[in-house]
Structure formats: C-alpha cells, structure tokens
Amino acid sequence: VRPILVFFSLRRSFFFNDTATTEIYTLSLHDALPIYMKNKYRVIISRCESYNKDELKSVISKGLDRLGGLGKYINKQQRICIKPNLLLAASPDKGITTHPVFIEAVIELIADHTGKPENIIIADSSSPAVPFTSSGIEKVYRETGLSGIAGRTGCSLNFATDYSSVSNKKGRLLKKIEVINA
C-alpha cells in the first residue's frame, strides 16, 4: 500500500489528505475547490512509498515547505484541530479511514513547530454507522488505531458530542455551519 498525499492551501489554512489505500483519488467538494480556484490556491500531490512514519514525515514536510512552511499557517500559540476522516470503526488496513501513522506524523511535525503538543486535538464525527456518543467515539478511536496517539504525542482526543452553529456570512449556499465543540 502506497499513500498518495494531497496538499492544498486556502488563504491562511492548509489541508492535506491521505487517500487511504487507493491510488485513484476522487475529488470531493473541499478538494475540488482549490483546484477550481487555481489562480488563488495551490495544490501539491506527493507519493510516499509506505506508511513508514519517518518517510511520511519527510514527504509531508516537503509538501508543506512547497506551500510556504508550517510557520505560514500555524502560530505557535494556536490551538490546532486535526480532523481525520473517521468514517467507520475499522482497522487501518481496510483503507476506510485516515491512516493513524499519517495522523501521528502530522501531529509530530506540528508539535515540533509549536513546541506545544497539548494544543493539538484530534476530532471528527463518524458516520451514522457508529453512534455519535462518547462510547461510539471511543470505539472509533480504538478500532482505527488513534487511541495510542494521544499518549505517544501529548495531543488529545475529542470526546465531546455537542455542536455549535457558526455563522458563515460569506457562504454562497451555507450561511450557518454546525461544528463539533472540541
């Protein structure tokens, strides 16, 4: 299994995605937007030969450098939310969720930059197949291999299940967005 990493920059934020086990990348709305707006945003696609953490960190770091480096996007005092794709409570080898080694590599790079791993939280709401409850979230973290990451890196896992409505006045279709209170 060879990960393909997709990096893109939206103004002062950056996103990257581990495309799981497939070598065919299907564009979703959040991935297609920066490609559509190619005059304003950059997209970088990099291949990594394995899920070896050191190799992943190297490829991720080079991709981020091509976008201007972490310092362009992350203030050393910021709280940072890592939002993986946790679709199901499934093991990493199934290729359904963002690989935990990829997530750990990203966290380590951010923690190296900020010096504050405690300001990093992993948060996502899984699919309807798993109840969005504290026990459901714990099951997803355990099955996807994320449970140990907090202990190894010093970041935290989100177990909050409540939402807030956030105004998005500039949105064309979505004027309000519900977000997890992480």
C-alpha atoms as a PDB file:
ATOM      1  CA  VAL A   1       0.000   0.000   0.000  1.00  0.00           C
ATOM      2  CA  ARG A   2       1.461   3.345  -1.065  1.00  0.00           C
ATOM      3  CA  PRO A   3      -0.091   6.519   0.291  1.00  0.00           C
ATOM      4  CA  ILE A   4      -0.730   9.437  -2.023  1.00  0.00           C
ATOM      5  CA  LEU A   5      -0.686  12.734  -0.171  1.00  0.00           C
ATOM      6  CA  VAL A   6      -2.660  15.716  -1.409  1.00  0.00           C
ATOM      7  CA  PHE A   7      -1.740  19.153  -0.021  1.00  0.00           C
ATOM      8  CA  PHE A   8      -3.634  22.331  -0.674  1.00  0.00           C
ATOM      9  CA  SER A   9      -3.663  25.828   0.691  1.00  0.00           C
ATOM     10  CA  LEU A  10      -6.723  28.025   1.220  1.00  0.00           C
ATOM     11  CA  ARG A  11      -5.624  31.535   2.182  1.00  0.00           C
ATOM     12  CA  ARG A  12      -4.195  31.113   5.706  1.00  0.00           C
ATOM     13  CA  SER A  13      -5.188  27.459   6.207  1.00  0.00           C
ATOM     14  CA  PHE A  14      -3.743  24.306   4.779  1.00  0.00           C
ATOM     15  CA  PHE A  15      -5.228  20.882   4.271  1.00  0.00           C
ATOM     16  CA  PHE A  16      -3.749  17.587   3.327  1.00  0.00           C
ATOM     17  CA  ASN A  17      -5.282  14.235   2.833  1.00  0.00           C
ATOM     18  CA  ASP A  18      -4.058  10.667   2.981  1.00  0.00           C
ATOM     19  CA  THR A  19      -6.028   8.957   0.229  1.00  0.00           C
ATOM     20  CA  ALA A  20      -6.012   5.641   2.093  1.00  0.00           C
ATOM     21  CA  THR A  21      -5.144   2.547   0.096  1.00  0.00           C
ATOM     22  CA  THR A  22      -6.429   3.598  -3.287  1.00  0.00           C
ATOM     23  CA  GLU A  23      -4.250   5.109  -5.975  1.00  0.00           C
ATOM     24  CA  ILE A  24      -7.331   6.625  -7.594  1.00  0.00           C
ATOM     25  CA  TYR A  25      -8.175   9.906  -5.966  1.00  0.00           C
ATOM     26  CA  THR A  26     -11.796  11.020  -6.146  1.00  0.00           C
ATOM     27  CA  LEU A  27     -12.216  14.746  -5.727  1.00  0.00           C
ATOM     28  CA  SER A  28     -14.714  15.833  -3.134  1.00  0.00           C
ATOM     29  CA  LEU A  29     -16.003  19.380  -2.812  1.00  0.00           C
ATOM     30  CA  HIS A  30     -13.323  20.519  -0.370  1.00  0.00           C
ATOM     31  CA  ASP A  31     -10.614  19.053  -2.597  1.00  0.00           C
ATOM     32  CA  ALA A  32     -12.035  20.416  -5.840  1.00  0.00           C
ATOM     33  CA  LEU A  33     -12.445  23.996  -4.616  1.00  0.00           C
ATOM     34  CA  PRO A  34      -8.749  24.915  -4.606  1.00  0.00           C
ATOM     35  CA  ILE A  35      -8.263  23.251  -7.996  1.00  0.00           C
ATOM     36  CA  TYR A  36     -11.196  25.212  -9.373  1.00  0.00           C
ATOM     37  CA  MET A  37      -9.758  28.402  -7.909  1.00  0.00           C
ATOM     38  CA  LYS A  38      -6.318  27.617  -9.337  1.00  0.00           C
ATOM     39  CA  ASN A  39      -5.308  31.249  -9.610  1.00  0.00           C
ATOM     40  CA  LYS A  40      -5.609  31.744  -5.852  1.00  0.00           C
ATOM     41  CA  TYR A  41      -4.725  28.386  -4.317  1.00  0.00           C
ATOM     42  CA  ARG A  42      -2.003  25.788  -4.643  1.00  0.00           C
ATOM     43  CA  VAL A  43      -2.404  22.024  -4.826  1.00  0.00           C
ATOM     44  CA  ILE A  44       0.510  19.654  -4.355  1.00  0.00           C
ATOM     45  CA  ILE A  45       0.258  15.892  -4.814  1.00  0.00           C
ATOM     46  CA  SER A  46       3.067  13.734  -3.452  1.00  0.00           C
ATOM     47  CA  ARG A  47       3.597   9.999  -3.414  1.00  0.00           C
ATOM     48  CA  CYS A  48       5.034   8.150  -0.460  1.00  0.00           C
ATOM     49  CA  GLU A  49       6.276   4.591  -0.791  1.00  0.00           C
ATOM     50  CA  SER A  50       4.912   3.325   2.534  1.00  0.00           C
ATOM     51  CA  TYR A  51       3.294   4.192   5.828  1.00  0.00           C
ATOM     52  CA  ASN A  52       6.692   4.373   7.490  1.00  0.00           C
ATOM     53  CA  LYS A  53       6.361   7.354   9.841  1.00  0.00           C
ATOM     54  CA  ASP A  54       9.786   8.852   9.078  1.00  0.00           C
ATOM     55  CA  GLU A  55       9.169   8.616   5.342  1.00  0.00           C
ATOM     56  CA  LEU A  56       5.699  10.137   5.731  1.00  0.00           C
ATOM     57  CA  LYS A  57       7.077  12.998   7.830  1.00  0.00           C
ATOM     58  CA  SER A  58       9.674  13.713   5.168  1.00  0.00           C
ATOM     59  CA  VAL A  59       7.122  13.780   2.327  1.00  0.00           C
ATOM     60  CA  ILE A  60       4.633  15.838   4.374  1.00  0.00           C
ATOM     61  CA  SER A  61       7.352  18.282   5.411  1.00  0.00           C
ATOM     62  CA  LYS A  62       8.496  18.754   1.802  1.00  0.00           C
ATOM     63  CA  GLY A  63       4.899  19.335   0.691  1.00  0.00           C
ATOM     64  CA  LEU A  64       4.340  21.887   3.442  1.00  0.00           C
ATOM     65  CA  ASP A  65       7.600  23.610   2.544  1.00  0.00           C
ATOM     66  CA  ARG A  66       6.329  23.981  -1.027  1.00  0.00           C
ATOM     67  CA  LEU A  67       3.242  25.721   0.419  1.00  0.00           C
ATOM     68  CA  GLY A  68       5.391  28.114   2.455  1.00  0.00           C
ATOM     69  CA  GLY A  69       6.075  26.023   5.566  1.00  0.00           C
ATOM     70  CA  LEU A  70       4.095  25.475   8.749  1.00  0.00           C
ATOM     71  CA  GLY A  71       5.019  28.929  10.039  1.00  0.00           C
ATOM     72  CA  LYS A  72       2.890  30.473   7.295  1.00  0.00           C
ATOM     73  CA  TYR A  73      -0.212  28.731   8.645  1.00  0.00           C
ATOM     74  CA  ILE A  74       0.324  27.947  12.311  1.00  0.00           C
ATOM     75  CA  ASN A  75       1.013  30.405  15.089  1.00  0.00           C
ATOM     76  CA  LYS A  76       2.986  28.715  17.851  1.00  0.00           C
ATOM     77  CA  GLN A  77       0.295  29.672  20.398  1.00  0.00           C
ATOM     78  CA  GLN A  78      -2.713  28.392  18.416  1.00  0.00           C
ATOM     79  CA  ARG A  79      -4.942  25.510  19.357  1.00  0.00           C
ATOM     80  CA  ILE A  80      -4.983  23.118  16.410  1.00  0.00           C
ATOM     81  CA  CYS A  81      -7.654  20.599  15.468  1.00  0.00           C
ATOM     82  CA  ILE A  82      -6.649  17.628  13.329  1.00  0.00           C
ATOM     83  CA  LYS A  83      -9.769  16.432  11.510  1.00  0.00           C
ATOM     84  CA  PRO A  84      -9.136  12.978  10.035  1.00  0.00           C
ATOM     85  CA  ASN A  85     -11.700  11.056   8.035  1.00  0.00           C
ATOM     86  CA  LEU A  86     -13.050   8.566  10.572  1.00  0.00           C
ATOM     87  CA  LEU A  87     -15.857   7.061   8.555  1.00  0.00           C
ATOM     88  CA  LEU A  88     -16.181   3.790  10.453  1.00  0.00           C
ATOM     89  CA  ALA A  89     -14.722   1.926  13.385  1.00  0.00           C
ATOM     90  CA  ALA A  90     -12.395  -0.017  11.076  1.00  0.00           C
ATOM     91  CA  SER A  91      -8.755  -1.063  11.242  1.00  0.00           C
ATOM     92  CA  PRO A  92      -6.260   0.980   9.201  1.00  0.00           C
ATOM     93  CA  ASP A  93      -5.587  -1.881   6.774  1.00  0.00           C
ATOM     94  CA  LYS A  94      -9.155  -1.566   5.437  1.00  0.00           C
ATOM     95  CA  GLY A  95      -8.321   1.830   3.884  1.00  0.00           C
ATOM     96  CA  ILE A  96     -11.597   3.372   5.065  1.00  0.00           C
ATOM     97  CA  THR A  97     -10.169   5.984   7.424  1.00  0.00           C
ATOM     98  CA  THR A  98      -7.170   8.288   7.523  1.00  0.00           C
ATOM     99  CA  HIS A  99      -4.208   6.109   8.486  1.00  0.00           C
ATOM    100  CA  PRO A 100      -3.089   6.602  12.116  1.00  0.00           C
ATOM    101  CA  VAL A 101       0.607   6.740  11.145  1.00  0.00           C
ATOM    102  CA  PHE A 102      -0.199   9.621   8.793  1.00  0.00           C
ATOM    103  CA  ILE A 103      -2.053  11.436  11.601  1.00  0.00           C
ATOM    104  CA  GLU A 104       0.792  10.817  14.052  1.00  0.00           C
ATOM    105  CA  ALA A 105       3.348  12.122  11.527  1.00  0.00           C
ATOM    106  CA  VAL A 106       1.309  15.317  11.050  1.00  0.00           C
ATOM    107  CA  ILE A 107       0.954  15.794  14.813  1.00  0.00           C
ATOM    108  CA  GLU A 108       4.682  15.324  15.362  1.00  0.00           C
ATOM    109  CA  LEU A 109       5.511  17.886  12.662  1.00  0.00           C
ATOM    110  CA  ILE A 110       3.108  20.419  14.152  1.00  0.00           C
ATOM    111  CA  ALA A 111       4.350  19.719  17.699  1.00  0.00           C
ATOM    112  CA  ASP A 112       7.962  20.135  16.519  1.00  0.00           C
ATOM    113  CA  HIS A 113       6.991  23.521  15.073  1.00  0.00           C
ATOM    114  CA  THR A 114       4.917  24.799  18.001  1.00  0.00           C
ATOM    115  CA  GLY A 115       6.590  23.029  20.903  1.00  0.00           C
ATOM    116  CA  LYS A 116       3.081  22.528  22.312  1.00  0.00           C
ATOM    117  CA  PRO A 117       1.557  19.125  21.520  1.00  0.00           C
ATOM    118  CA  GLU A 118      -1.040  19.778  24.238  1.00  0.00           C
ATOM    119  CA  ASN A 119      -2.563  22.434  21.932  1.00  0.00           C
ATOM    120  CA  ILE A 120      -3.384  19.763  19.337  1.00  0.00           C
ATOM    121  CA  ILE A 121      -6.687  17.853  19.406  1.00  0.00           C
ATOM    122  CA  ILE A 122      -7.975  15.111  17.095  1.00  0.00           C
ATOM    123  CA  ALA A 123     -11.702  15.477  16.396  1.00  0.00           C
ATOM    124  CA  ASP A 124     -14.224  14.077  13.932  1.00  0.00           C
ATOM    125  CA  SER A 125     -17.804  12.918  13.852  1.00  0.00           C
ATOM    126  CA  SER A 126     -18.065   9.442  12.408  1.00  0.00           C
ATOM    127  CA  SER A 127     -20.693   8.189  10.010  1.00  0.00           C
ATOM    128  CA  PRO A 128     -24.212   7.195  11.060  1.00  0.00           C
ATOM    129  CA  ALA A 129     -22.941   3.601  11.273  1.00  0.00           C
ATOM    130  CA  VAL A 130     -21.417   4.442  14.673  1.00  0.00           C
ATOM    131  CA  PRO A 131     -23.455   6.356  17.273  1.00  0.00           C
ATOM    132  CA  PHE A 132     -22.037   9.829  17.925  1.00  0.00           C
ATOM    133  CA  THR A 133     -21.726   9.257  21.652  1.00  0.00           C
ATOM    134  CA  SER A 134     -18.664   9.198  23.909  1.00  0.00           C
ATOM    135  CA  SER A 135     -18.613   5.386  23.766  1.00  0.00           C
ATOM    136  CA  GLY A 136     -19.108   5.403  19.984  1.00  0.00           C
ATOM    137  CA  ILE A 137     -16.244   7.870  19.556  1.00  0.00           C
ATOM    138  CA  GLU A 138     -14.033   5.788  21.858  1.00  0.00           C
ATOM    139  CA  LYS A 139     -14.773   2.700  19.732  1.00  0.00           C
ATOM    140  CA  VAL A 140     -13.824   4.574  16.541  1.00  0.00           C
ATOM    141  CA  TYR A 141     -10.552   5.807  18.085  1.00  0.00           C
ATOM    142  CA  ARG A 142      -9.718   2.300  19.333  1.00  0.00           C
ATOM    143  CA  GLU A 143     -10.556   0.457  16.088  1.00  0.00           C
ATOM    144  CA  THR A 144      -8.842   2.991  13.825  1.00  0.00           C
ATOM    145  CA  GLY A 145      -5.627   2.935  15.863  1.00  0.00           C
ATOM    146  CA  LEU A 146      -5.882   6.507  17.145  1.00  0.00           C
ATOM    147  CA  SER A 147      -6.220   5.721  20.863  1.00  0.00           C
ATOM    148  CA  GLY A 148      -2.476   5.388  21.418  1.00  0.00           C
ATOM    149  CA  ILE A 149      -1.536   8.538  19.512  1.00  0.00           C
ATOM    150  CA  ALA A 150      -2.518  10.904  22.318  1.00  0.00           C
ATOM    151  CA  GLY A 151      -0.271   9.085  24.786  1.00  0.00           C
ATOM    152  CA  ARG A 152       2.666   8.953  22.394  1.00  0.00           C
ATOM    153  CA  THR A 153       2.456  12.543  21.161  1.00  0.00           C
ATOM    154  CA  GLY A 154       0.921  14.549  24.012  1.00  0.00           C
ATOM    155  CA  CYS A 155      -2.087  15.666  21.949  1.00  0.00           C
ATOM    156  CA  SER A 156      -5.662  14.930  22.990  1.00  0.00           C
ATOM    157  CA  LEU A 157      -8.657  13.136  21.529  1.00  0.00           C
ATOM    158  CA  ASN A 158     -12.048  14.853  21.387  1.00  0.00           C
ATOM    159  CA  PHE A 159     -14.921  13.079  23.109  1.00  0.00           C
ATOM    160  CA  ALA A 160     -17.365  15.994  23.014  1.00  0.00           C
ATOM    161  CA  THR A 161     -20.613  15.254  21.192  1.00  0.00           C
ATOM    162  CA  ASP A 162     -22.237  18.678  21.285  1.00  0.00           C
ATOM    163  CA  TYR A 163     -22.338  21.111  18.371  1.00  0.00           C
ATOM    164  CA  SER A 164     -22.445  24.850  17.855  1.00  0.00           C
ATOM    165  CA  SER A 165     -23.847  26.743  14.910  1.00  0.00           C
ATOM    166  CA  VAL A 166     -21.263  29.050  13.329  1.00  0.00           C
ATOM    167  CA  SER A 167     -22.191  31.930  11.037  1.00  0.00           C
ATOM    168  CA  ASN A 168     -20.766  31.775   7.518  1.00  0.00           C
ATOM    169  CA  LYS A 169     -21.977  35.105   6.121  1.00  0.00           C
ATOM    170  CA  LYS A 170     -19.788  34.904   3.019  1.00  0.00           C
ATOM    171  CA  GLY A 171     -21.044  31.416   2.154  1.00  0.00           C
ATOM    172  CA  ARG A 172     -22.992  31.126  -1.070  1.00  0.00           C
ATOM    173  CA  LEU A 173     -25.040  28.114  -0.015  1.00  0.00           C
ATOM    174  CA  LEU A 174     -24.237  27.506   3.637  1.00  0.00           C
ATOM    175  CA  LYS A 175     -24.899  30.566   5.784  1.00  0.00           C
ATOM    176  CA  LYS A 176     -24.552  28.551   9.009  1.00  0.00           C
ATOM    177  CA  ILE A 177     -22.377  25.520   9.689  1.00  0.00           C
ATOM    178  CA  GLU A 178     -22.667  23.108  12.609  1.00  0.00           C
ATOM    179  CA  VAL A 179     -19.296  22.260  14.139  1.00  0.00           C
ATOM    180  CA  ILE A 180     -18.230  19.990  16.986  1.00  0.00           C
ATOM    181  CA  ASN A 181     -17.383  21.747  20.234  1.00  0.00           C
ATOM    182  CA  ALA A 182     -13.891  20.273  20.522  1.00  0.00           C
END
